[in-house]
Amino acid sequence: VAEVVFTDGSRQKLTTGNGGTFSAGVEFHPQAMPKLGIRALAGWKFSTSAAKNVDIMFTRFPLEVVASYALDSDWRVGAGVTHHAAIKLDTDGLAPNVSFDPATGATLELGWKWAALTYTAMNYRAENGSEFGANAIGVSVSYVFGKR
C-alpha cells in the first residue's frame, strides 16, 4: 500500500499482509464433540515504517472465528472467517491518509500445541476504489487460560 523512501536512498514497503497482531478472545469445546474447538478473537494488527522522524502506520482491527479439529493431543487443523475493520494507512502528514473498506476473508491454520501456521485470503479496497491483495502467511502463538 505504500513505499517509504529514506534519505539514504533505501526503501521499505508497507504491504497489506505484513505486521504484527495482538488478539484476545474465547475458545469453546462442545462436550458432545471434545475434539472440536471454536475460537473467537478480536485484535489490533499493525505495521510501521522504520523511519525515525515520522510515524507511518498501517492499522486494522481483525475479528476472527475459527473452528479447529484436534488430530491428536498436539496437532490441530482449522478454518474460519476473518473480518478486518477500520483499515487505515496513516502517513503522519507526508501524504494524505488512506482509509479502506472493511474486508472479509477466509483463514486456515495448522497448529501444533501453542503455535500455528496460518494463511489468510482477502482483499482490501481503498476509498479511491483501488484493490489490494491482503493474502498473508503467518505464525500465531496462543495460550488458553482455564483449560480443562
Protein backbone atom coordinates (compact mmCIF):
# COMPACT_ATOMS: atom_id res chain seq x y z
CA VAL A 1 0.00 0.00 0.00
CA ALA A 2 2.96 2.32 0.42
CA GLU A 3 6.68 2.59 -0.12
CA VAL A 4 8.82 4.73 2.17
CA VAL A 5 11.96 6.21 0.63
CA PHE A 6 14.63 7.18 3.15
CA THR A 7 17.19 9.97 2.80
CA ASP A 8 19.97 7.41 2.22
CA GLY A 9 18.07 6.05 -0.81
CA SER A 10 16.94 2.82 0.88
CA ARG A 11 13.29 1.80 0.66
CA GLN A 12 10.74 -0.01 2.78
CA LYS A 13 7.43 -1.36 1.51
CA LEU A 14 4.36 -1.43 3.73
CA THR A 15 2.26 -4.29 2.42
CA THR A 16 -1.27 -5.35 3.28
CA GLY A 17 -0.32 -8.70 4.78
CA ASN A 18 2.69 -7.84 6.93
CA GLY A 19 2.79 -6.73 10.53
CA GLY A 20 2.07 -7.98 14.00
CA THR A 21 -1.24 -8.70 15.67
CA PHE A 22 -2.31 -8.69 19.30
CA SER A 23 -5.59 -10.51 19.93
CA ALA A 24 -7.72 -11.83 22.77
CA GLY A 25 -10.81 -13.96 22.71
CA VAL A 26 -12.64 -17.05 23.87
CA GLU A 27 -12.48 -20.73 22.95
CA PHE A 28 -15.32 -23.21 23.31
CA HIS A 29 -15.22 -27.03 23.18
CA PRO A 30 -18.66 -28.70 22.93
CA GLN A 31 -19.00 -31.63 25.35
CA ALA A 32 -20.51 -33.80 22.62
CA MET A 33 -17.52 -33.17 20.32
CA PRO A 34 -14.42 -32.65 22.51
CA LYS A 35 -12.02 -32.63 19.51
CA LEU A 36 -13.83 -29.59 18.08
CA GLY A 37 -12.77 -26.14 19.21
CA ILE A 38 -14.41 -22.86 18.26
CA ARG A 39 -12.35 -19.73 18.86
CA ALA A 40 -13.43 -16.10 18.51
CA LEU A 41 -10.79 -13.36 18.60
CA ALA A 42 -10.69 -9.58 18.39
CA GLY A 43 -7.42 -7.76 17.90
CA TRP A 44 -5.28 -4.97 16.53
CA LYS A 45 -2.97 -5.55 13.55
CA PHE A 46 -0.29 -3.04 12.67
CA SER A 47 2.80 -2.44 10.61
CA THR A 48 5.00 0.60 10.81
CA SER A 49 7.90 2.10 8.91
CA ALA A 50 11.47 2.16 10.19
CA ALA A 51 11.59 5.94 9.82
CA LYS A 52 12.85 7.80 12.90
CA ASN A 53 11.33 11.20 12.16
CA VAL A 54 7.74 10.19 11.26
CA ASP A 55 5.25 7.55 12.39
CA ILE A 56 3.83 5.92 9.26
CA MET A 57 1.44 3.16 10.34
CA PHE A 58 -0.90 0.75 8.60
CA THR A 59 -3.52 -0.44 11.11
CA ARG A 60 -6.63 -2.57 11.15
CA PHE A 61 -8.86 -4.35 13.68
CA PRO A 62 -9.34 -8.06 12.86
CA LEU A 63 -12.26 -10.14 14.14
CA GLU A 64 -11.85 -13.86 13.60
CA VAL A 65 -13.87 -17.02 14.19
CA VAL A 66 -12.06 -20.33 13.63
CA ALA A 67 -13.27 -23.88 14.09
CA SER A 68 -10.46 -26.35 14.68
CA TYR A 69 -10.30 -30.12 14.95
CA ALA A 70 -7.76 -31.87 17.17
CA LEU A 71 -5.99 -34.60 15.21
CA ASP A 72 -4.33 -35.81 18.43
CA SER A 73 -3.25 -34.19 21.70
CA ASP A 74 -0.72 -31.93 19.92
CA TRP A 75 -1.88 -31.26 16.33
CA ARG A 76 -4.95 -29.43 15.04
CA VAL A 77 -6.30 -28.12 11.75
CA GLY A 78 -8.69 -25.22 11.47
CA ALA A 79 -10.63 -22.99 9.14
CA GLY A 80 -12.73 -19.92 9.62
CA VAL A 81 -13.61 -16.41 8.65
CA THR A 82 -11.80 -13.16 9.41
CA HIS A 83 -13.11 -9.62 9.12
CA HIS A 84 -10.87 -6.53 9.16
CA ALA A 85 -12.39 -3.18 10.09
CA ALA A 86 -11.07 0.38 10.46
CA ILE A 87 -8.31 -0.31 7.92
CA LYS A 88 -6.17 2.81 7.63
CA LEU A 89 -2.80 4.00 6.34
CA ASP A 90 -1.66 6.97 8.45
CA THR A 91 1.18 8.83 6.73
CA ASP A 92 1.84 11.27 9.60
CA GLY A 93 1.31 14.24 7.29
CA LEU A 94 3.69 13.20 4.50
CA ALA A 95 0.79 12.38 2.15
CA PRO A 96 -2.97 12.06 2.51
CA ASN A 97 -4.08 9.27 4.84
CA VAL A 98 -5.90 6.40 3.13
CA SER A 99 -8.92 4.55 4.51
CA PHE A 100 -10.07 1.16 3.25
CA ASP A 101 -13.46 -0.53 3.21
CA PRO A 102 -14.00 -3.30 5.77
CA ALA A 103 -12.91 -6.65 4.32
CA THR A 104 -13.89 -10.27 4.95
CA GLY A 105 -11.91 -13.35 4.01
CA ALA A 106 -11.04 -16.92 4.86
CA THR A 107 -8.38 -18.17 7.24
CA LEU A 108 -6.75 -21.59 7.59
CA GLU A 109 -4.43 -22.94 10.25
CA LEU A 110 -2.25 -25.91 11.03
CA GLY A 111 -1.40 -25.89 14.71
CA TRP A 112 0.98 -27.75 16.98
CA LYS A 113 0.44 -27.24 20.71
CA TRP A 114 0.61 -23.46 21.25
CA ALA A 115 1.83 -22.46 17.76
CA ALA A 116 0.14 -22.45 14.36
CA LEU A 117 1.00 -21.73 10.75
CA THR A 118 -1.81 -19.57 9.34
CA TYR A 119 -2.99 -18.40 5.94
CA THR A 120 -5.46 -15.58 5.34
CA ALA A 121 -7.06 -14.86 1.95
CA MET A 122 -8.71 -11.45 1.47
CA ASN A 123 -8.62 -8.22 -0.50
CA TYR A 124 -8.69 -4.59 0.66
CA ARG A 125 -10.43 -1.85 -1.32
CA ALA A 126 -9.20 1.73 -0.81
CA GLU A 127 -11.54 4.69 -0.67
CA ASN A 128 -10.49 5.59 -4.25
CA GLY A 129 -11.58 2.13 -5.49
CA SER A 130 -8.10 0.60 -5.82
CA GLU A 131 -7.96 -3.03 -4.73
CA PHE A 132 -5.05 -4.66 -2.93
CA GLY A 133 -4.45 -8.34 -2.24
CA ALA A 134 -4.17 -8.82 1.52
CA ASN A 135 -3.33 -12.53 1.50
CA ALA A 136 -0.87 -13.42 4.23
CA ILE A 137 1.03 -16.35 5.70
CA GLY A 138 1.78 -16.05 9.37
CA VAL A 139 2.70 -17.73 12.60
CA SER A 140 0.47 -17.42 15.64
CA VAL A 141 1.25 -18.14 19.24
CA SER A 142 -1.63 -18.66 21.65
CA TYR A 143 -2.44 -19.67 25.18
CA VAL A 144 -5.79 -20.77 26.52
CA PHE A 145 -6.43 -19.95 30.18
CA GLY A 146 -8.61 -22.33 32.19
CA LYS A 147 -8.04 -25.41 30.02
CA ARG A 148 -9.79 -28.50 31.30
